[in-house]
């Protein structure tokens, strides 16, 4: 498999990081309007920690995918660059909190 396939897989995994943000936008408005059984703070909590858990899970998934397509060599490769994936989810988690704060302020 080529590097293009690995790049496409990693790209779609980064798109998965946006799922909690879309959930916060869609269901946060519904919770504030009272259209769902969940409370607003429950949705914000779920999206914030879901983002962090997805970042960590994505770290392991990308490490697994890249090890599948990596050539077999005697010298081990450094995986520290993959830590950026887990760190990349932290700004998205705070973006979810900012969106939740904005939704709460606008609803009042």
N, C-alpha and C. Protein backbone atom coordinates (compact mmCIF):
# COMPACT_ATOMS: atom_id res chain seq x y z
N UNK A 1 0.84 -1.18 0.00
CA UNK A 1 0.00 0.00 0.00
C UNK A 1 0.88 1.24 0.00
N UNK A 2 0.38 2.24 -0.63
CA UNK A 2 1.19 3.45 -0.75
C UNK A 2 0.91 4.41 0.39
N UNK A 3 1.71 5.46 0.41
CA UNK A 3 1.53 6.50 1.43
C UNK A 3 0.24 7.28 1.21
N UNK A 4 -0.26 7.29 -0.02
CA UNK A 4 -1.52 7.99 -0.29
C UNK A 4 -2.68 7.35 0.45
N UNK A 5 -2.69 6.03 0.51
CA UNK A 5 -3.77 5.33 1.21
C UNK A 5 -3.71 5.63 2.70
N UNK A 6 -2.52 5.61 3.26
CA UNK A 6 -2.35 5.93 4.68
C UNK A 6 -2.78 7.37 4.93
N UNK A 7 -2.44 8.27 4.03
CA UNK A 7 -2.83 9.67 4.19
C UNK A 7 -4.33 9.86 4.16
N UNK A 8 -5.02 9.14 3.29
CA UNK A 8 -6.48 9.22 3.22
C UNK A 8 -7.11 8.67 4.49
N UNK A 9 -6.58 7.57 5.01
CA UNK A 9 -7.09 6.99 6.26
C UNK A 9 -6.91 7.97 7.40
N UNK A 10 -5.75 8.58 7.50
CA UNK A 10 -5.49 9.54 8.57
C UNK A 10 -6.37 10.77 8.41
N UNK A 11 -6.62 11.22 7.18
CA UNK A 11 -7.49 12.36 6.95
C UNK A 11 -8.90 12.08 7.47
N UNK A 12 -9.44 10.90 7.17
CA UNK A 12 -10.78 10.57 7.64
C UNK A 12 -10.82 10.41 9.15
N UNK A 13 -9.73 9.98 9.74
CA UNK A 13 -9.68 9.91 11.20
C UNK A 13 -9.70 11.31 11.81
N UNK A 14 -9.07 12.28 11.15
CA UNK A 14 -9.13 13.66 11.64
C UNK A 14 -10.54 14.22 11.50
N UNK A 15 -11.25 13.81 10.47
CA UNK A 15 -12.63 14.26 10.31
C UNK A 15 -13.49 13.74 11.46
N UNK A 16 -13.16 12.55 11.96
CA UNK A 16 -13.90 11.99 13.09
C UNK A 16 -13.79 12.88 14.32
N UNK A 17 -12.69 13.62 14.45
CA UNK A 17 -12.53 14.53 15.58
C UNK A 17 -13.60 15.63 15.59
N UNK A 18 -14.21 15.91 14.46
CA UNK A 18 -15.22 16.96 14.40
C UNK A 18 -16.61 16.47 14.82
N UNK A 19 -16.80 15.18 14.99
CA UNK A 19 -18.11 14.64 15.33
C UNK A 19 -18.65 15.21 16.65
N UNK A 20 -17.88 15.25 17.76
CA UNK A 20 -18.43 15.84 18.98
C UNK A 20 -18.79 17.32 18.83
N UNK A 21 -18.08 18.03 17.98
CA UNK A 21 -18.40 19.44 17.75
C UNK A 21 -19.76 19.57 17.07
N UNK A 22 -20.01 18.73 16.08
CA UNK A 22 -21.31 18.77 15.41
C UNK A 22 -22.43 18.32 16.35
N UNK A 23 -22.14 17.35 17.22
CA UNK A 23 -23.14 16.91 18.20
C UNK A 23 -23.45 18.06 19.15
N UNK A 24 -22.42 18.78 19.59
CA UNK A 24 -22.64 19.91 20.49
C UNK A 24 -23.50 20.98 19.82
N UNK A 25 -23.22 21.27 18.57
CA UNK A 25 -23.99 22.30 17.87
C UNK A 25 -25.44 21.86 17.70
N UNK A 26 -25.65 20.64 17.26
CA UNK A 26 -27.01 20.18 16.97
C UNK A 26 -27.83 19.94 18.23
N UNK A 27 -27.30 19.15 19.14
CA UNK A 27 -28.08 18.76 20.31
C UNK A 27 -27.98 19.77 21.45
N UNK A 28 -26.99 20.64 21.43
CA UNK A 28 -26.92 21.70 22.43
C UNK A 28 -28.08 22.67 22.29
N UNK A 29 -28.40 23.02 21.06
CA UNK A 29 -29.54 23.90 20.80
C UNK A 29 -30.84 23.20 21.21
N UNK A 30 -30.95 21.93 20.90
CA UNK A 30 -32.16 21.18 21.26
C UNK A 30 -32.31 21.07 22.77
N UNK A 31 -31.20 20.88 23.48
CA UNK A 31 -31.27 20.79 24.95
C UNK A 31 -31.67 22.12 25.56
N UNK A 32 -31.15 23.21 25.03
CA UNK A 32 -31.52 24.52 25.55
C UNK A 32 -32.99 24.84 25.28
N UNK A 33 -33.52 24.35 24.19
CA UNK A 33 -34.93 24.60 23.87
C UNK A 33 -35.85 23.61 24.58
N UNK A 34 -35.28 22.59 25.21
CA UNK A 34 -36.09 21.61 25.92
C UNK A 34 -36.66 20.53 25.03
N UNK A 35 -36.07 20.30 23.87
CA UNK A 35 -36.59 19.31 22.93
C UNK A 35 -36.03 17.91 23.16
N UNK A 36 -35.07 17.78 24.07
CA UNK A 36 -34.49 16.46 24.35
C UNK A 36 -34.61 16.16 25.84
N UNK A 37 -34.40 14.92 26.19
CA UNK A 37 -34.45 14.53 27.60
C UNK A 37 -33.15 14.85 28.33
N UNK A 38 -32.08 15.05 27.57
CA UNK A 38 -30.79 15.35 28.20
C UNK A 38 -30.70 16.83 28.53
N UNK A 39 -29.98 17.10 29.59
CA UNK A 39 -29.75 18.49 29.97
C UNK A 39 -28.57 19.04 29.18
N UNK A 40 -28.48 20.36 29.13
CA UNK A 40 -27.42 20.99 28.34
C UNK A 40 -26.04 20.64 28.87
N UNK A 41 -25.89 20.64 30.20
CA UNK A 41 -24.58 20.35 30.77
C UNK A 41 -24.16 18.91 30.48
N UNK A 42 -25.12 17.99 30.35
CA UNK A 42 -24.78 16.60 30.03
C UNK A 42 -24.23 16.50 28.60
N UNK A 43 -24.83 17.23 27.70
CA UNK A 43 -24.36 17.20 26.31
C UNK A 43 -22.99 17.85 26.21
N UNK A 44 -22.79 18.97 26.89
CA UNK A 44 -21.48 19.64 26.87
C UNK A 44 -20.41 18.74 27.49
N UNK A 45 -20.74 18.09 28.58
CA UNK A 45 -19.80 17.17 29.25
C UNK A 45 -19.45 16.00 28.33
N UNK A 46 -20.47 15.42 27.72
CA UNK A 46 -20.28 14.30 26.80
C UNK A 46 -19.39 14.70 25.62
N UNK A 47 -19.63 15.86 25.05
CA UNK A 47 -18.86 16.30 23.88
C UNK A 47 -17.42 16.64 24.26
N UNK A 48 -17.22 17.29 25.40
CA UNK A 48 -15.87 17.66 25.83
C UNK A 48 -15.01 16.42 26.06
N UNK A 49 -15.50 15.51 26.87
CA UNK A 49 -14.71 14.32 27.17
C UNK A 49 -14.70 13.33 26.01
N UNK A 50 -15.75 13.34 25.23
CA UNK A 50 -15.75 12.50 24.03
C UNK A 50 -14.66 12.92 23.06
N UNK A 51 -14.44 14.22 22.96
CA UNK A 51 -13.38 14.73 22.09
C UNK A 51 -12.00 14.27 22.58
N UNK A 52 -11.79 14.34 23.88
CA UNK A 52 -10.49 13.91 24.42
C UNK A 52 -10.30 12.40 24.25
N UNK A 53 -11.34 11.63 24.48
CA UNK A 53 -11.24 10.17 24.33
C UNK A 53 -11.03 9.80 22.86
N UNK A 54 -11.72 10.50 21.95
CA UNK A 54 -11.51 10.24 20.52
C UNK A 54 -10.08 10.57 20.10
N UNK A 55 -9.50 11.62 20.66
CA UNK A 55 -8.12 11.97 20.34
C UNK A 55 -7.14 10.88 20.76
N UNK A 56 -7.35 10.34 21.94
CA UNK A 56 -6.48 9.28 22.42
C UNK A 56 -6.68 8.00 21.61
N UNK A 57 -7.95 7.68 21.32
CA UNK A 57 -8.23 6.49 20.51
C UNK A 57 -7.66 6.64 19.11
N UNK A 58 -7.75 7.84 18.57
CA UNK A 58 -7.22 8.07 17.23
C UNK A 58 -5.70 7.92 17.21
N UNK A 59 -5.04 8.29 18.29
CA UNK A 59 -3.60 8.10 18.41
C UNK A 59 -3.25 6.63 18.22
N UNK A 60 -3.97 5.76 18.91
CA UNK A 60 -3.69 4.32 18.80
C UNK A 60 -4.07 3.77 17.44
N UNK A 61 -5.16 4.27 16.88
CA UNK A 61 -5.58 3.79 15.56
C UNK A 61 -4.57 4.18 14.49
N UNK A 62 -4.11 5.42 14.53
CA UNK A 62 -3.12 5.87 13.54
C UNK A 62 -1.80 5.12 13.73
N UNK A 63 -1.41 4.88 14.97
CA UNK A 63 -0.19 4.11 15.21
C UNK A 63 -0.33 2.70 14.64
N UNK A 64 -1.51 2.11 14.79
CA UNK A 64 -1.74 0.77 14.24
C UNK A 64 -1.74 0.78 12.72
N UNK A 65 -2.43 1.75 12.12
CA UNK A 65 -2.52 1.82 10.66
C UNK A 65 -1.15 2.07 10.04
N UNK A 66 -0.38 2.97 10.62
CA UNK A 66 0.94 3.25 10.05
C UNK A 66 1.89 2.07 10.25
N UNK A 67 1.70 1.30 11.33
CA UNK A 67 2.57 0.13 11.52
C UNK A 67 2.19 -0.99 10.54
N UNK A 68 0.93 -1.03 10.12
CA UNK A 68 0.54 -2.04 9.14
C UNK A 68 1.21 -1.82 7.79
N UNK A 69 1.31 -0.55 7.40
CA UNK A 69 1.83 -0.23 6.08
C UNK A 69 3.32 0.14 6.10
N UNK A 70 3.94 0.10 7.25
CA UNK A 70 5.36 0.46 7.35
C UNK A 70 6.22 -0.71 6.87
N UNK A 71 7.31 -0.40 6.21
CA UNK A 71 8.21 -1.50 5.82
C UNK A 71 8.89 -2.09 7.04
N UNK A 72 9.19 -3.34 6.94
CA UNK A 72 9.85 -4.02 8.06
C UNK A 72 11.32 -3.65 8.03
N UNK A 73 11.75 -2.98 9.08
CA UNK A 73 13.15 -2.57 9.19
C UNK A 73 13.65 -2.96 10.57
N UNK A 74 14.97 -3.03 10.70
CA UNK A 74 15.57 -3.42 11.97
C UNK A 74 15.60 -2.27 12.96
N UNK A 75 15.67 -1.05 12.46
CA UNK A 75 15.76 0.11 13.33
C UNK A 75 14.33 0.57 13.67
N UNK A 76 13.97 0.62 14.94
CA UNK A 76 12.61 1.06 15.29
C UNK A 76 12.42 2.54 14.98
N UNK A 77 11.21 2.87 14.53
CA UNK A 77 10.91 4.26 14.22
C UNK A 77 10.37 4.95 15.46
N UNK A 78 10.57 6.25 15.51
CA UNK A 78 10.08 7.04 16.63
C UNK A 78 8.60 7.35 16.40
N UNK A 79 7.79 7.11 17.39
CA UNK A 79 6.36 7.38 17.28
C UNK A 79 5.95 8.66 17.98
N UNK A 80 6.92 9.49 18.34
CA UNK A 80 6.59 10.71 19.09
C UNK A 80 5.78 11.68 18.25
N UNK A 81 5.94 11.63 16.94
CA UNK A 81 5.16 12.52 16.09
C UNK A 81 3.67 12.24 16.15
N UNK A 82 3.32 11.00 16.51
CA UNK A 82 1.90 10.66 16.64
C UNK A 82 1.27 11.30 17.88
N UNK A 83 2.08 11.74 18.81
CA UNK A 83 1.54 12.40 20.00
C UNK A 83 0.82 13.69 19.63
N UNK A 84 1.17 14.27 18.50
CA UNK A 84 0.49 15.47 18.03
C UNK A 84 -0.99 15.23 17.76
N UNK A 85 -1.34 14.01 17.41
CA UNK A 85 -2.74 13.69 17.16
C UNK A 85 -3.53 13.80 18.46
N UNK A 86 -3.01 13.24 19.54
CA UNK A 86 -3.70 13.33 20.82
C UNK A 86 -3.75 14.78 21.30
N UNK A 87 -2.68 15.52 21.08
CA UNK A 87 -2.64 16.92 21.49
C UNK A 87 -3.55 17.76 20.60
N UNK A 88 -3.74 17.35 19.36
CA UNK A 88 -4.59 18.07 18.42
C UNK A 88 -6.05 18.07 18.87
N UNK A 89 -6.45 17.07 19.65
CA UNK A 89 -7.83 17.00 20.10
C UNK A 89 -8.13 17.98 21.23
N UNK A 90 -7.10 18.44 21.93
CA UNK A 90 -7.32 19.36 23.04
C UNK A 90 -7.91 20.69 22.57
N UNK A 91 -7.41 21.34 21.51
CA UNK A 91 -8.07 22.57 21.04
C UNK A 91 -9.50 22.33 20.58
N UNK A 92 -9.78 21.17 19.98
CA UNK A 92 -11.15 20.87 19.58
C UNK A 92 -12.04 20.71 20.81
N UNK A 93 -11.52 20.15 21.89
CA UNK A 93 -12.31 20.01 23.11
C UNK A 93 -12.65 21.38 23.68
N UNK A 94 -11.68 22.29 23.67
CA UNK A 94 -11.98 23.63 24.17
C UNK A 94 -12.86 24.41 23.20
N UNK A 95 -12.78 24.10 21.93
CA UNK A 95 -13.71 24.69 20.97
C UNK A 95 -15.14 24.26 21.29
N UNK A 96 -15.31 23.01 21.70
CA UNK A 96 -16.64 22.55 22.11
C UNK A 96 -17.13 23.33 23.32
N UNK A 97 -16.25 23.61 24.27
CA UNK A 97 -16.65 24.40 25.43
C UNK A 97 -17.01 25.83 25.04
N UNK A 98 -16.27 26.40 24.11
CA UNK A 98 -16.58 27.76 23.65
C UNK A 98 -17.92 27.77 22.92
N UNK A 99 -18.18 26.76 22.12
CA UNK A 99 -19.47 26.66 21.43
C UNK A 99 -20.60 26.52 22.46
N UNK A 100 -20.39 25.69 23.48
CA UNK A 100 -21.40 25.51 24.51
C UNK A 100 -21.65 26.82 25.26
N UNK A 101 -20.59 27.55 25.57
CA UNK A 101 -20.74 28.84 26.25
C UNK A 101 -21.49 29.82 25.36
N UNK A 102 -21.16 29.84 24.10
CA UNK A 102 -21.83 30.73 23.15
C UNK A 102 -23.31 30.36 23.04
N UNK A 103 -23.62 29.08 22.99
CA UNK A 103 -25.00 28.65 22.91
C UNK A 103 -25.77 29.06 24.16
N UNK A 104 -25.14 28.94 25.31
CA UNK A 104 -25.80 29.29 26.57
C UNK A 104 -26.04 30.79 26.66
N UNK A 105 -25.07 31.59 26.22
CA UNK A 105 -25.22 33.05 26.27
C UNK A 105 -26.30 33.51 25.29
N UNK A 106 -26.32 32.94 24.10
CA UNK A 106 -27.29 33.36 23.09
C UNK A 106 -28.71 32.96 23.50
N UNK A 107 -28.85 31.85 24.21
CA UNK A 107 -30.19 31.39 24.58
C UNK A 107 -30.83 32.25 25.66
N UNK A 108 -30.05 33.02 26.40
CA UNK A 108 -30.61 33.84 27.49
C UNK A 108 -31.18 35.12 26.98
